[in-house]
């Protein structure tokens, strides 16, 4: 039975009931919150600092991984290979000088690394290049320890494997990475104080500190001195815990993924709970005031919001029927409501213009994204090309220097005009052959490429750099030191379906795609693995989407017995190529 004189279905009754249903539990929760707020504060502080520590630990790991990749790339350096097996002492000294110059340039680029070194076991010769900030006394101390360690010809599998190990030399701790290449040990080291420099920006209070801790729980270095000798840093950092003489220190840590150390934040309870009593009293005052303000708030809400809202809803219902000429009438109301009404009226008068602007903005956004994708240049390709020129200059092979220079000029000339949507297939293939020649100079007798196409497709418009991106992907992931890599490109017109299409197939004899990479590619995602992010095929896929919508396709699979295959299908008669920014391409479509 309904109680008389109560408007059960009115907004006023529902609003009062809703406010009470929200306010009463909220006030109860605020009061109850006083009894467990300390634990909540601890959790929130731990979570916040855990995220911050994880972020900085990720940055340290990322910088050390960059140094790792630099060391690995150095293994294939021509001069380093000469140091490994020189024919004469003069050849060894010249190669050593070249490697020293390269390491000197690298140590400037990798700010996190304090030094790179190369040690010859047979000669007992240590070549090391230091960052300019490393003091002379520290250099001597570390060199002496390195000599002692490397002279013993250690087994690297038993000394850290592929991880950064921790050494204590004197009072300082260091992280060290060593690789072996036949007669040479190649490595890098960094003082733990260098890794901790960015962490001085973390605000953990006057008595809080950020630490680097070894795998054995030894404190390597800290931003602030820790005087508590009962601090336990040997526990698992998967969750936070409390330690110290009075159990009043919050410990939050994150282990390194590539090194035998962890990054730890130590926060005293005094820093965490300094404002908690004031917060408890404030919560109680808010709870009491909220109870008294409920009826006043409802009355003001009705006059300020509900009545103007009802008038606006009436107008919107008329617009919903198709009458877009209706407007909200002017009446006395709050400044905000009047501004809403004026804005609403203005919006209705300009709706057609707004639709056009949105449409044009979407087109411009797609154009900008397409240009960005096309103008991505691989920095490693540029650096490797310069390295080839340098090596050729050393051996005074002027003919190859001239040839490579011309190839690079043609390559970058094509790259700088690649903001065009389409180029002729013959131009793309000329660029591909030029690119392959550069790679053949980089990998002599280790790379070959064949291109099979038909003459009548030469004036066909294609997106620039698509075929070259696929070849670059094959060389990057298929090239090994074991056997030569062959890449086959075939281009043909297929007319078996309802609509003819141009099929571009790129095959290589490399190791092929991993299952993870195939799954990510077929899902339309970028491939991310232990080597980082690979965007080559994703870049091509995204550009085909922007240019052809769903009319073009790309598929990837592994060949038998091995090798990767990428197939691209482009519609032969496409409206998207018209006006693509190249006169020949447009003329082809008109024919």
Protein backbone atom coordinates (compact mmCIF):
# COMPACT_ATOMS: atom_id res chain seq x y z
CA UNK A 1 0.00 0.00 0.00
CA UNK A 2 1.22 3.50 -0.84
CA UNK A 3 1.46 6.21 1.78
CA UNK A 4 -0.77 9.12 0.61
CA UNK A 5 0.59 12.57 -0.30
CA UNK A 6 4.03 11.21 -1.27
CA UNK A 7 4.91 11.62 -4.98
CA UNK A 8 6.66 8.27 -5.42
CA UNK A 9 7.46 8.77 -9.07
CA UNK A 10 8.58 12.39 -8.86
CA UNK A 11 12.18 13.50 -9.42
CA UNK A 12 12.07 15.31 -6.08
CA UNK A 13 11.30 12.11 -4.15
CA UNK A 14 13.78 10.03 -6.13
CA UNK A 15 16.46 12.67 -5.70
CA UNK A 16 15.91 12.85 -1.91
CA UNK A 17 15.94 9.08 -1.66
CA UNK A 18 19.00 8.81 -3.89
CA UNK A 19 20.92 11.43 -1.93
CA UNK A 20 20.10 9.64 1.32
CA UNK A 21 21.08 6.27 -0.09
CA UNK A 22 24.41 7.72 -1.21
CA UNK A 23 25.08 10.08 1.71
CA UNK A 24 24.25 7.79 4.64
CA UNK A 25 26.54 4.92 3.58
CA UNK A 26 29.21 7.44 2.63
CA UNK A 27 29.10 9.13 6.03
CA UNK A 28 29.16 5.72 7.71
CA UNK A 29 32.16 4.78 5.61
CA UNK A 30 33.97 8.00 6.48
CA UNK A 31 33.44 7.41 10.20
CA UNK A 32 34.52 3.78 9.96
CA UNK A 33 37.51 4.88 7.91
CA UNK A 34 39.08 6.42 11.03
CA UNK A 35 39.63 2.93 12.47
CA UNK A 36 41.67 1.54 9.63
CA UNK A 37 43.05 4.63 7.88
CA UNK A 38 46.61 3.87 8.98
CA UNK A 39 46.63 0.63 7.02
CA UNK A 40 45.08 2.34 4.02
CA UNK A 41 47.72 5.07 4.13
CA UNK A 42 50.46 2.45 4.29
CA UNK A 43 48.98 0.62 1.32
CA UNK A 44 48.63 3.76 -0.76
CA UNK A 45 52.10 5.03 0.06
CA UNK A 46 53.57 1.61 -0.69
CA UNK A 47 51.69 1.37 -3.99
CA UNK A 48 52.63 4.89 -5.05
CA UNK A 49 56.29 4.41 -4.25
CA UNK A 50 56.27 0.90 -5.76
CA UNK A 51 55.09 2.37 -9.06
CA UNK A 52 57.71 5.10 -8.84
CA UNK A 53 60.47 2.63 -7.98
CA UNK A 54 59.36 0.32 -10.80
CA UNK A 55 59.49 3.27 -13.21
CA UNK A 56 63.04 4.22 -12.23
CA UNK A 57 64.13 0.56 -12.18
CA UNK A 58 62.71 0.20 -15.69
CA UNK A 59 64.70 3.25 -16.81
CA UNK A 60 67.92 1.83 -15.32
CA UNK A 61 67.30 -1.55 -16.97
CA UNK A 62 66.52 0.13 -20.27
CA UNK A 63 69.77 2.12 -20.19
CA UNK A 64 71.79 -1.00 -19.29
CA UNK A 65 70.05 -2.92 -22.11
CA UNK A 66 71.14 -0.18 -24.53
CA UNK A 67 74.71 -0.67 -23.35
CA UNK A 68 74.25 -4.46 -23.77
CA UNK A 69 73.13 -4.01 -27.36
CA UNK A 70 76.10 -1.77 -28.04
CA UNK A 71 78.48 -4.45 -26.72
CA UNK A 72 76.78 -7.14 -28.80
CA UNK A 73 76.99 -5.00 -31.94
CA UNK A 74 80.69 -4.42 -31.19
CA UNK A 75 81.30 -8.18 -31.47
CA UNK A 76 80.76 -7.98 -35.22
CA UNK A 77 82.94 -4.88 -35.63
CA UNK A 78 85.68 -5.38 -38.24
CA UNK A 79 88.42 -3.79 -36.14
CA UNK A 80 87.52 -5.86 -33.09
CA UNK A 81 87.78 -9.01 -35.18
CA UNK A 82 91.25 -7.89 -36.27
CA UNK A 83 92.22 -7.48 -32.60
CA UNK A 84 90.93 -11.00 -32.01
CA UNK A 85 93.17 -12.58 -34.64
CA UNK A 86 95.73 -10.10 -36.05
CA UNK A 87 98.33 -11.09 -38.61
CA UNK A 88 100.97 -8.70 -37.31
CA UNK A 89 101.56 -6.58 -34.24
CA UNK A 90 101.08 -3.42 -36.32
CA UNK A 91 97.70 -4.69 -37.48
CA UNK A 92 96.72 -5.32 -33.84
CA UNK A 93 97.78 -1.82 -32.78
CA UNK A 94 95.89 -0.16 -35.65
CA UNK A 95 92.76 -2.18 -34.90
CA UNK A 96 93.13 -1.34 -31.20
CA UNK A 97 93.35 2.35 -32.03
CA UNK A 98 90.18 2.17 -34.17
CA UNK A 99 88.29 0.29 -31.44
CA UNK A 100 89.45 2.88 -28.88
CA UNK A 101 88.03 5.68 -31.05
CA UNK A 102 84.71 3.86 -31.38
CA UNK A 103 84.51 3.23 -27.63
CA UNK A 104 85.35 6.88 -26.96
CA UNK A 105 82.37 7.97 -29.07
CA UNK A 106 80.12 5.33 -27.47
CA UNK A 107 80.96 6.31 -23.89
CA UNK A 108 79.79 9.85 -24.68
CA UNK A 109 76.45 8.54 -26.03
CA UNK A 110 75.75 6.17 -23.12
CA UNK A 111 75.68 8.51 -20.14
CA UNK A 112 74.76 5.69 -17.74
CA UNK A 113 77.97 3.75 -18.47
CA UNK A 114 81.18 4.88 -16.80
CA UNK A 115 83.56 2.86 -18.98
CA UNK A 116 83.86 0.38 -21.87
CA UNK A 117 86.80 -2.03 -22.07
CA UNK A 118 88.37 -4.72 -24.27
CA UNK A 119 90.84 -7.26 -22.83
CA UNK A 120 93.11 -9.56 -24.88
CA UNK A 121 93.77 -12.83 -23.05
CA UNK A 122 96.82 -13.80 -25.10
CA UNK A 123 98.49 -10.41 -24.70
CA UNK A 124 97.18 -9.51 -21.25
CA UNK A 125 96.37 -6.12 -22.78
CA UNK A 126 93.48 -4.05 -21.35
CA UNK A 127 91.95 -1.27 -23.47
CA UNK A 128 89.46 0.84 -21.54
CA UNK A 129 87.75 4.14 -22.27
CA UNK A 130 86.25 6.15 -19.41
CA UNK A 131 83.58 8.77 -19.02
CA UNK A 132 85.18 12.14 -18.33
CA UNK A 133 83.51 12.31 -14.90
CA UNK A 134 85.36 9.23 -13.57
CA UNK A 135 88.26 10.28 -11.27
CA UNK A 136 91.76 9.01 -12.04
CA UNK A 137 92.08 7.17 -8.72
CA UNK A 138 88.87 5.26 -9.38
CA UNK A 139 90.06 4.34 -12.88
CA UNK A 140 93.29 2.88 -11.49
CA UNK A 141 91.42 0.93 -8.82
CA UNK A 142 88.92 -0.63 -11.24
CA UNK A 143 91.62 -1.38 -13.85
CA UNK A 144 93.63 -3.28 -11.27
CA UNK A 145 90.63 -5.37 -10.25
CA UNK A 146 89.72 -6.07 -13.90
CA UNK A 147 93.27 -7.22 -14.64
CA UNK A 148 93.20 -9.60 -11.68
CA UNK A 149 89.84 -11.02 -12.69
CA UNK A 150 90.39 -11.35 -16.45
CA UNK A 151 93.92 -12.76 -16.14
CA UNK A 152 92.37 -15.81 -14.45
CA UNK A 153 90.37 -16.46 -17.67
CA UNK A 154 87.04 -16.78 -15.84
CA UNK A 155 84.09 -18.85 -17.01
CA UNK A 156 81.47 -16.18 -17.74
CA UNK A 157 78.64 -18.71 -17.41
CA UNK A 158 79.58 -19.06 -13.74
CA UNK A 159 80.12 -15.32 -13.27
CA UNK A 160 76.74 -13.77 -14.02
CA UNK A 161 76.06 -15.29 -17.44
CA UNK A 162 74.17 -12.71 -19.47
CA UNK A 163 73.43 -10.46 -16.47
CA UNK A 164 75.09 -7.39 -14.96
CA UNK A 165 77.01 -8.61 -11.91
CA UNK A 166 77.83 -6.62 -8.78
CA UNK A 167 81.39 -6.04 -7.53
CA UNK A 168 82.59 -4.24 -4.45
CA UNK A 169 85.87 -2.45 -5.06
CA UNK A 170 87.09 -0.58 -2.03
CA UNK A 171 84.11 1.20 -0.50
CA UNK A 172 82.18 1.51 -3.77
CA UNK A 173 79.94 -0.95 -5.57
CA UNK A 174 79.91 -1.44 -9.34
CA UNK A 175 77.75 -3.25 -11.87
CA UNK A 176 79.71 -5.06 -14.56
CA UNK A 177 78.84 -6.72 -17.90
CA UNK A 178 81.36 -8.95 -19.72
CA UNK A 179 81.07 -10.72 -23.09
CA UNK A 180 83.62 -13.12 -24.58
CA UNK A 181 84.67 -13.36 -28.22
CA UNK A 182 87.42 -15.97 -28.72
CA UNK A 183 90.59 -14.27 -27.41
CA UNK A 184 88.83 -11.08 -26.23
CA UNK A 185 86.72 -10.06 -23.26
CA UNK A 186 84.46 -7.10 -24.03
CA UNK A 187 82.53 -5.29 -21.33
CA UNK A 188 81.32 -2.20 -19.54
CA UNK A 189 81.04 -1.09 -15.93
CA UNK A 190 79.26 1.63 -14.02
CA UNK A 191 79.55 2.89 -10.47
CA UNK A 192 76.37 2.35 -8.44
CA UNK A 193 76.49 6.05 -7.55
CA UNK A 194 76.05 6.89 -11.23
CA UNK A 195 72.90 4.74 -11.45
CA UNK A 196 71.50 6.43 -8.35
CA UNK A 197 71.92 10.03 -9.60
CA UNK A 198 68.35 10.35 -11.04
CA UNK A 199 66.87 8.95 -7.81
CA UNK A 200 67.89 12.06 -5.88
CA UNK A 201 64.78 13.64 -7.45
CA UNK A 202 62.51 11.22 -5.51
CA UNK A 203 61.00 12.94 -2.47
CA UNK A 204 60.95 10.37 0.35
CA UNK A 205 61.15 12.89 3.17
CA UNK A 206 64.12 14.09 5.18
CA UNK A 207 64.71 10.66 6.76
CA UNK A 208 63.64 8.54 3.77
CA UNK A 209 66.10 7.18 1.27
CA UNK A 210 66.36 5.40 -2.07
CA UNK A 211 68.87 2.53 -2.14
CA UNK A 212 70.54 0.16 -4.54
CA UNK A 213 70.79 -3.26 -2.90
CA UNK A 214 72.84 -6.26 -4.04
CA UNK A 215 71.33 -9.71 -4.48
CA UNK A 216 72.75 -10.66 -1.07
CA UNK A 217 70.93 -7.75 0.60
CA UNK A 218 73.99 -5.51 0.93
CA UNK A 219 73.39 -1.77 0.67
CA UNK A 220 75.38 -0.57 -2.35
CA UNK A 221 74.56 3.16 -2.26
CA UNK A 222 71.80 5.42 -0.91
CA UNK A 223 70.50 8.93 -1.49
CA UNK A 224 70.39 9.64 2.28
CA UNK A 225 72.38 7.94 5.08
CA UNK A 226 70.55 5.08 6.88
CA UNK A 227 71.46 4.97 10.58
CA UNK A 228 69.23 2.02 11.55
CA UNK A 229 71.52 -1.02 11.82
CA UNK A 230 68.54 -3.40 12.14
CA UNK A 231 67.33 -2.73 8.61
CA UNK A 232 66.71 -6.03 6.79
CA UNK A 233 67.05 -5.88 3.00
CA UNK A 234 67.25 -9.63 2.32
CA UNK A 235 63.49 -10.30 1.97
CA UNK A 236 61.49 -10.72 -1.22
CA UNK A 237 60.45 -7.40 -2.77
CA UNK A 238 57.31 -8.79 -4.45
CA UNK A 239 55.31 -7.00 -1.71
CA UNK A 240 56.16 -4.27 0.75
CA UNK A 241 57.13 -4.98 4.37
CA UNK A 242 58.21 -3.14 7.49
CA UNK A 243 61.64 -3.38 9.10
CA UNK A 244 64.07 -1.50 11.29
CA UNK A 245 64.91 -1.34 14.97
CA UNK A 246 61.35 -0.22 15.88
CA UNK A 247 59.69 -1.79 12.85
CA UNK A 248 58.88 1.75 11.72
CA UNK A 249 60.46 1.72 8.24
CA UNK A 250 58.36 0.88 5.17
CA UNK A 251 60.41 -1.09 2.60
CA UNK A 252 59.35 -1.07 -1.06
CA UNK A 253 61.60 -2.59 -3.72
CA UNK A 254 61.86 -3.71 -7.33
CA UNK A 255 64.53 -6.19 -8.55
CA UNK A 256 66.40 -5.55 -11.78
CA UNK A 257 65.48 -7.76 -14.72
CA UNK A 258 69.03 -7.86 -16.08
CA UNK A 259 71.27 -7.33 -13.06
CA UNK A 260 72.03 -8.79 -9.64
CA UNK A 261 70.68 -5.80 -7.74
CA UNK A 262 67.41 -4.14 -6.69
CA UNK A 263 66.12 -0.60 -6.26
CA UNK A 264 64.60 -0.01 -2.80
CA UNK A 265 62.74 2.87 -1.15
CA UNK A 266 62.91 3.22 2.65
CA UNK A 267 60.17 5.47 4.10
CA UNK A 268 59.85 6.14 7.86
CA UNK A 269 56.40 6.01 9.51
CA UNK A 270 56.91 9.56 10.72
CA UNK A 271 56.90 10.74 7.12
CA UNK A 272 53.86 8.63 6.17
CA UNK A 273 51.57 9.40 9.13
CA UNK A 274 52.53 12.99 9.91
CA UNK A 275 49.10 14.43 8.93
CA UNK A 276 46.87 11.47 9.85
CA UNK A 277 45.40 12.86 13.16
CA UNK A 278 44.31 16.07 11.43
CA UNK A 279 42.80 14.02 8.64
CA UNK A 280 40.72 11.96 11.10
CA UNK A 281 39.26 15.07 12.74
CA UNK A 282 38.49 16.56 9.34
CA UNK A 283 36.60 13.41 8.29
CA UNK A 284 34.43 13.58 11.44
CA UNK A 285 33.59 17.25 10.85
CA UNK A 286 32.68 16.57 7.22
CA UNK A 287 30.37 13.73 8.28
CA UNK A 288 28.43 15.91 10.74
CA UNK A 289 28.19 18.85 8.35
CA UNK A 290 26.99 16.58 5.52
CA UNK A 291 23.93 15.44 7.52
CA UNK A 292 22.78 19.04 8.09
CA UNK A 293 23.41 20.16 4.52
CA UNK A 294 21.35 17.43 2.82
CA UNK A 295 17.91 19.20 2.88
CA UNK A 296 19.37 22.59 2.03
CA UNK A 297 21.28 21.08 -0.86
CA UNK A 298 18.14 19.43 -2.23
CA UNK A 299 16.16 22.67 -2.23
CA UNK A 300 18.93 24.62 -3.95
CA UNK A 301 19.47 21.79 -6.39
CA UNK A 302 15.82 21.91 -7.44
CA UNK A 303 15.81 25.64 -8.12
CA UNK A 304 19.25 25.86 -9.69
CA UNK A 305 19.39 22.64 -11.69
CA UNK A 306 16.14 20.68 -11.95
CA UNK A 307 13.89 23.45 -13.32
CA UNK A 308 16.39 24.66 -16.00
CA UNK A 309 17.11 21.04 -16.86
CA UNK A 310 13.44 20.34 -17.45
CA UNK A 311 13.20 23.26 -19.88
CA UNK A 312 16.28 22.06 -21.75
CA UNK A 313 14.90 18.51 -21.97
CA UNK A 314 11.68 19.82 -23.54
CA UNK A 315 13.68 21.54 -26.28
CA UNK A 316 15.87 18.47 -26.84
CA UNK A 317 12.79 16.26 -27.27
CA UNK A 318 11.55 18.58 -30.03
CA UNK A 319 14.97 18.43 -31.70
CA UNK A 320 14.85 14.63 -31.46
CA UNK A 321 11.74 14.66 -33.63
CA UNK A 322 13.71 16.40 -36.40
CA UNK A 323 12.92 20.06 -35.65
CA UNK A 324 16.47 21.46 -35.54
CA UNK A 325 15.25 25.09 -35.69
CA UNK A 326 13.93 25.11 -32.11
CA UNK A 327 15.88 27.11 -29.51
CA UNK A 328 15.89 27.50 -25.74
CA UNK A 329 13.99 30.64 -24.69
CA UNK A 330 15.74 33.24 -22.56
CA UNK A 331 14.69 33.33 -18.88
CA UNK A 332 16.28 34.41 -15.55
CA UNK A 333 18.75 31.73 -14.38
CA UNK A 334 22.26 31.26 -13.07
CA UNK A 335 25.17 32.44 -15.21
CA UNK A 336 26.20 28.87 -15.94
CA UNK A 337 22.69 27.86 -17.09
CA UNK A 338 22.46 30.96 -19.29
CA UNK A 339 25.85 30.10 -20.80
CA UNK A 340 24.67 26.52 -21.46
CA UNK A 341 21.53 27.81 -23.17
CA UNK A 342 23.45 30.30 -25.32
CA UNK A 343 26.01 27.64 -26.23
CA UNK A 344 23.25 25.18 -27.10
CA UNK A 345 21.54 27.69 -29.37
CA UNK A 346 24.82 28.60 -31.05
CA UNK A 347 25.67 24.94 -31.52
CA UNK A 348 22.38 24.24 -33.31
CA UNK A 349 22.91 27.12 -35.73
CA UNK A 350 26.43 25.92 -36.61
CA UNK A 351 25.89 22.16 -36.66
CA UNK A 352 26.33 21.78 -40.41
CA UNK A 353 29.58 23.71 -40.36
CA UNK A 354 30.78 21.62 -37.42
CA UNK A 355 30.12 18.39 -39.33
CA UNK A 356 32.21 19.64 -42.23
CA UNK A 357 35.05 20.71 -39.95
CA UNK A 358 35.09 17.34 -38.17
CA UNK A 359 35.17 15.51 -41.49
CA UNK A 360 38.06 17.65 -42.77
CA UNK A 361 39.93 17.20 -39.51
CA UNK A 362 39.68 13.42 -39.82
CA UNK A 363 41.05 13.57 -43.36
CA UNK A 364 43.95 15.80 -42.30
CA UNK A 365 44.70 13.50 -39.37
CA UNK A 366 44.90 10.50 -41.67
CA UNK A 367 47.18 12.40 -44.05
CA UNK A 368 49.46 13.42 -41.20
CA UNK A 369 49.62 9.87 -39.86
CA UNK A 370 50.40 8.51 -43.33
CA UNK A 371 53.25 11.00 -43.82
CA UNK A 372 54.63 10.15 -40.38
CA UNK A 373 54.65 6.43 -41.18
CA UNK A 374 56.35 6.99 -44.55
CA UNK A 375 59.07 9.27 -43.18
CA UNK A 376 60.32 6.90 -40.50
CA UNK A 377 64.04 6.34 -41.13
CA UNK A 378 65.94 3.55 -39.43
CA UNK A 379 68.82 5.25 -37.55
CA UNK A 380 70.78 1.97 -37.44
CA UNK A 381 70.78 1.84 -41.26
CA UNK A 382 72.28 5.34 -41.41
CA UNK A 383 74.94 4.56 -38.78
CA UNK A 384 75.84 1.23 -40.42
CA UNK A 385 76.22 2.96 -43.81
CA UNK A 386 78.61 5.51 -42.32
CA UNK A 387 80.53 2.67 -40.67
CA UNK A 388 80.90 0.92 -44.05
CA UNK A 389 82.21 4.16 -45.61
CA UNK A 390 84.66 4.51 -42.75
CA UNK A 391 85.95 0.96 -43.18
CA UNK A 392 86.25 1.37 -46.94
CA UNK A 393 88.17 4.59 -46.43
CA UNK A 394 90.60 2.78 -44.13
CA UNK A 395 91.41 0.25 -46.82
CA UNK A 396 91.36 3.01 -49.52
CA UNK A 397 88.79 1.24 -51.70
CA UNK A 398 87.78 4.37 -53.55
CA UNK A 399 85.67 2.63 -56.18
CA UNK A 400 83.36 1.08 -53.56
CA UNK A 401 83.30 4.37 -51.64
CA UNK A 402 82.08 6.15 -54.78
CA UNK A 403 79.51 3.43 -55.48
CA UNK A 404 78.20 3.42 -51.90
CA UNK A 405 78.04 7.21 -51.81
CA UNK A 406 75.95 7.30 -54.99
CA UNK A 407 73.68 4.58 -53.60
CA UNK A 408 73.17 6.57 -50.39
CA UNK A 409 72.43 9.75 -52.35
CA UNK A 410 69.79 7.91 -54.38
CA UNK A 411 68.41 6.28 -51.22
CA UNK A 412 67.92 9.51 -49.29
CA UNK A 413 66.68 11.39 -52.36
CA UNK A 414 63.90 8.81 -52.59
CA UNK A 415 63.26 8.95 -48.83
CA UNK A 416 62.90 12.73 -48.87
CA UNK A 417 60.24 12.58 -51.60
CA UNK A 418 58.40 9.73 -49.85
CA UNK A 419 55.74 12.09 -48.50
CA UNK A 420 53.93 11.22 -51.75
CA UNK A 421 51.05 8.82 -51.37
CA UNK A 422 52.01 6.80 -54.46
CA UNK A 423 54.99 6.26 -56.74
CA UNK A 424 55.37 4.17 -59.88
CA UNK A 425 56.28 0.54 -59.33
CA UNK A 426 59.40 0.97 -61.49
CA UNK A 427 60.57 3.79 -59.19
CA UNK A 428 59.92 1.69 -56.10
CA UNK A 429 61.86 -1.23 -57.60
CA UNK A 430 64.75 1.06 -58.56
CA UNK A 431 64.86 2.20 -54.94
CA UNK A 432 64.70 -1.42 -53.74
CA UNK A 433 67.62 -2.45 -55.98
CA UNK A 434 69.60 0.53 -54.75
CA UNK A 435 68.80 -0.41 -51.12
CA UNK A 436 69.79 -4.06 -51.72
CA UNK A 437 73.12 -2.93 -53.21
CA UNK A 438 73.86 -0.95 -50.02
CA UNK A 439 73.09 -4.03 -47.92
CA UNK A 440 75.26 -6.20 -50.21
CA UNK A 441 78.16 -3.87 -49.50
CA UNK A 442 77.38 -4.19 -45.80
CA UNK A 443 77.12 -8.01 -45.94
CA UNK A 444 79.45 -9.10 -48.80
CA UNK A 445 78.72 -12.61 -50.10
CA UNK A 446 76.11 -13.05 -47.35
CA UNK A 447 73.07 -11.49 -49.07
CA UNK A 448 71.42 -11.93 -52.45
CA UNK A 449 68.13 -10.73 -53.86
CA UNK A 450 66.07 -11.53 -56.95
CA UNK A 451 63.12 -9.51 -58.29
CA UNK A 452 60.59 -11.06 -60.66
CA UNK A 453 57.94 -8.80 -62.18
CA UNK A 454 56.13 -8.12 -65.45
CA UNK A 455 56.84 -5.08 -67.62
CA UNK A 456 53.24 -3.87 -68.00
CA UNK A 457 53.01 -3.33 -64.20
CA UNK A 458 55.91 -0.85 -64.13
CA UNK A 459 53.62 2.24 -64.36
CA UNK A 460 51.31 0.81 -61.66
CA UNK A 461 51.07 3.18 -58.64
CA UNK A 462 52.13 1.67 -55.31
CA UNK A 463 52.71 3.18 -51.84
CA UNK A 464 56.39 4.17 -51.51
CA UNK A 465 58.80 2.21 -49.29
CA UNK A 466 56.42 -0.75 -48.84
CA UNK A 467 58.62 -3.33 -50.60
CA UNK A 468 61.79 -1.84 -49.11
CA UNK A 469 60.30 -2.07 -45.59
CA UNK A 470 59.65 -5.80 -46.09
CA UNK A 471 63.22 -6.37 -47.35
CA UNK A 472 64.58 -4.40 -44.43
CA UNK A 473 62.53 -6.59 -42.05
CA UNK A 474 63.88 -9.78 -43.69
CA UNK A 475 67.49 -8.58 -43.45
CA UNK A 476 67.09 -7.47 -39.85
CA UNK A 477 65.56 -10.73 -38.59
CA UNK A 478 66.84 -13.29 -41.15
CA UNK A 479 70.52 -12.37 -41.51
CA UNK A 480 72.89 -14.64 -39.56
CA UNK A 481 76.61 -15.31 -39.55
CA UNK A 482 76.04 -19.00 -40.35
CA UNK A 483 74.78 -18.98 -43.92
CA UNK A 484 73.89 -16.50 -46.69
CA UNK A 485 70.41 -15.00 -46.88
CA UNK A 486 68.47 -14.94 -50.15
CA UNK A 487 65.41 -12.74 -50.63
CA UNK A 488 63.03 -13.28 -53.53
CA UNK A 489 60.53 -10.61 -54.60
CA UNK A 490 57.78 -11.55 -57.05
CA UNK A 491 55.13 -9.15 -58.41
CA UNK A 492 52.27 -10.23 -60.66
CA UNK A 493 48.69 -9.39 -61.65
CA UNK A 494 46.12 -11.93 -60.37
CA UNK A 495 42.75 -12.06 -62.16
CA UNK A 496 41.21 -15.21 -60.68
CA UNK A 497 38.65 -13.42 -58.47
CA UNK A 498 35.91 -10.92 -59.15
CA UNK A 499 38.32 -7.99 -58.98
CA UNK A 500 41.92 -8.17 -60.28
CA UNK A 501 44.68 -7.33 -57.84
CA UNK A 502 48.46 -6.92 -57.83
CA UNK A 503 50.21 -9.50 -55.65
CA UNK A 504 53.59 -8.70 -54.08
CA UNK A 505 55.35 -11.63 -52.38
CA UNK A 506 58.61 -11.32 -50.41
CA UNK A 507 60.31 -14.56 -49.37
CA UNK A 508 63.55 -15.09 -47.50
CA UNK A 509 65.63 -18.06 -46.43
CA UNK A 510 66.01 -16.93 -42.82
CA UNK A 511 64.71 -18.53 -39.66
CA UNK A 512 61.13 -17.32 -40.25
CA UNK A 513 58.58 -15.79 -37.88
CA UNK A 514 58.13 -16.94 -34.31
CA UNK A 515 54.67 -18.10 -33.23
CA UNK A 516 54.41 -15.05 -30.99
CA UNK A 517 55.29 -12.69 -33.85
CA UNK A 518 52.73 -14.33 -36.20
CA UNK A 519 50.01 -14.09 -33.55
CA UNK A 520 50.71 -10.40 -32.96
CA UNK A 521 50.88 -9.58 -36.69
CA UNK A 522 47.59 -11.35 -37.41
CA UNK A 523 45.99 -9.44 -34.53
CA UNK A 524 47.16 -6.14 -36.05
CA UNK A 525 49.51 -5.37 -33.14
CA UNK A 526 53.12 -4.29 -32.98
CA UNK A 527 55.53 -7.13 -32.19
CA UNK A 528 57.25 -6.63 -28.83
CA UNK A 529 59.81 -9.15 -27.60
CA UNK A 530 63.06 -9.24 -25.63
CA UNK A 531 64.79 -7.22 -28.37
CA UNK A 532 62.28 -4.37 -28.11
CA UNK A 533 59.49 -3.13 -30.37
CA UNK A 534 59.34 -4.13 -34.09
CA UNK A 535 57.12 -1.91 -36.21
CA UNK A 536 58.16 -2.75 -39.82
CA UNK A 537 55.25 -4.97 -40.87
CA UNK A 538 52.81 -3.07 -38.63
CA UNK A 539 53.88 0.15 -40.39
CA UNK A 540 53.14 -1.37 -43.81
CA UNK A 541 49.80 -2.77 -42.60
CA UNK A 542 48.74 0.59 -41.16
CA UNK A 543 49.65 2.47 -44.37
CA UNK A 544 47.66 0.01 -46.49
CA UNK A 545 44.66 0.57 -44.21
CA UNK A 546 44.92 4.35 -44.55
CA UNK A 547 45.32 4.23 -48.35
CA UNK A 548 42.97 1.41 -49.36
CA UNK A 549 40.62 0.87 -46.39
CA UNK A 550 39.74 -2.85 -46.51
CA UNK A 551 40.54 -3.39 -50.21
CA UNK A 552 44.23 -4.21 -49.60
CA UNK A 553 45.57 -6.98 -47.40
CA UNK A 554 48.82 -8.30 -45.95
CA UNK A 555 49.48 -11.81 -44.68
CA UNK A 556 52.53 -13.46 -43.11
CA UNK A 557 53.51 -17.10 -42.71
CA UNK A 558 56.54 -19.38 -42.64
CA UNK A 559 57.84 -21.17 -45.74
CA UNK A 560 59.03 -24.78 -45.96
CA UNK A 561 61.56 -25.92 -44.92
CA UNK A 562 62.27 -22.51 -43.37
CA UNK A 563 62.03 -18.82 -44.10
CA UNK A 564 59.50 -16.00 -43.81
CA UNK A 565 56.89 -15.08 -46.44
CA UNK A 566 54.94 -11.81 -46.64
CA UNK A 567 52.14 -11.39 -49.20
CA UNK A 568 50.56 -8.05 -50.10
CA UNK A 569 47.50 -7.70 -52.29
CA UNK A 570 46.63 -4.29 -53.77
CA UNK A 571 43.51 -3.66 -55.90
CA UNK A 572 44.45 -3.18 -59.56
CA UNK A 573 41.72 -0.59 -60.26
CA UNK A 574 41.71 1.63 -57.17
CA UNK A 575 40.02 4.96 -56.65
CA UNK A 576 42.49 5.67 -53.82
CA UNK A 577 45.46 6.07 -56.16
CA UNK A 578 43.84 8.98 -58.00
CA UNK A 579 45.37 12.30 -57.08
CA UNK A 580 47.94 10.50 -54.99
CA UNK A 581 50.55 13.18 -55.38
CA UNK A 582 52.36 11.78 -58.46
CA UNK A 583 51.47 12.76 -61.99
CA UNK A 584 52.36 9.38 -63.51
CA UNK A 585 50.31 7.52 -60.93
CA UNK A 586 47.24 9.62 -61.65
CA UNK A 587 47.66 9.17 -65.39
CA UNK A 588 47.83 5.39 -64.96
CA UNK A 589 44.50 5.36 -63.11
CA UNK A 590 42.83 7.49 -65.78
CA UNK A 591 43.88 4.92 -68.40
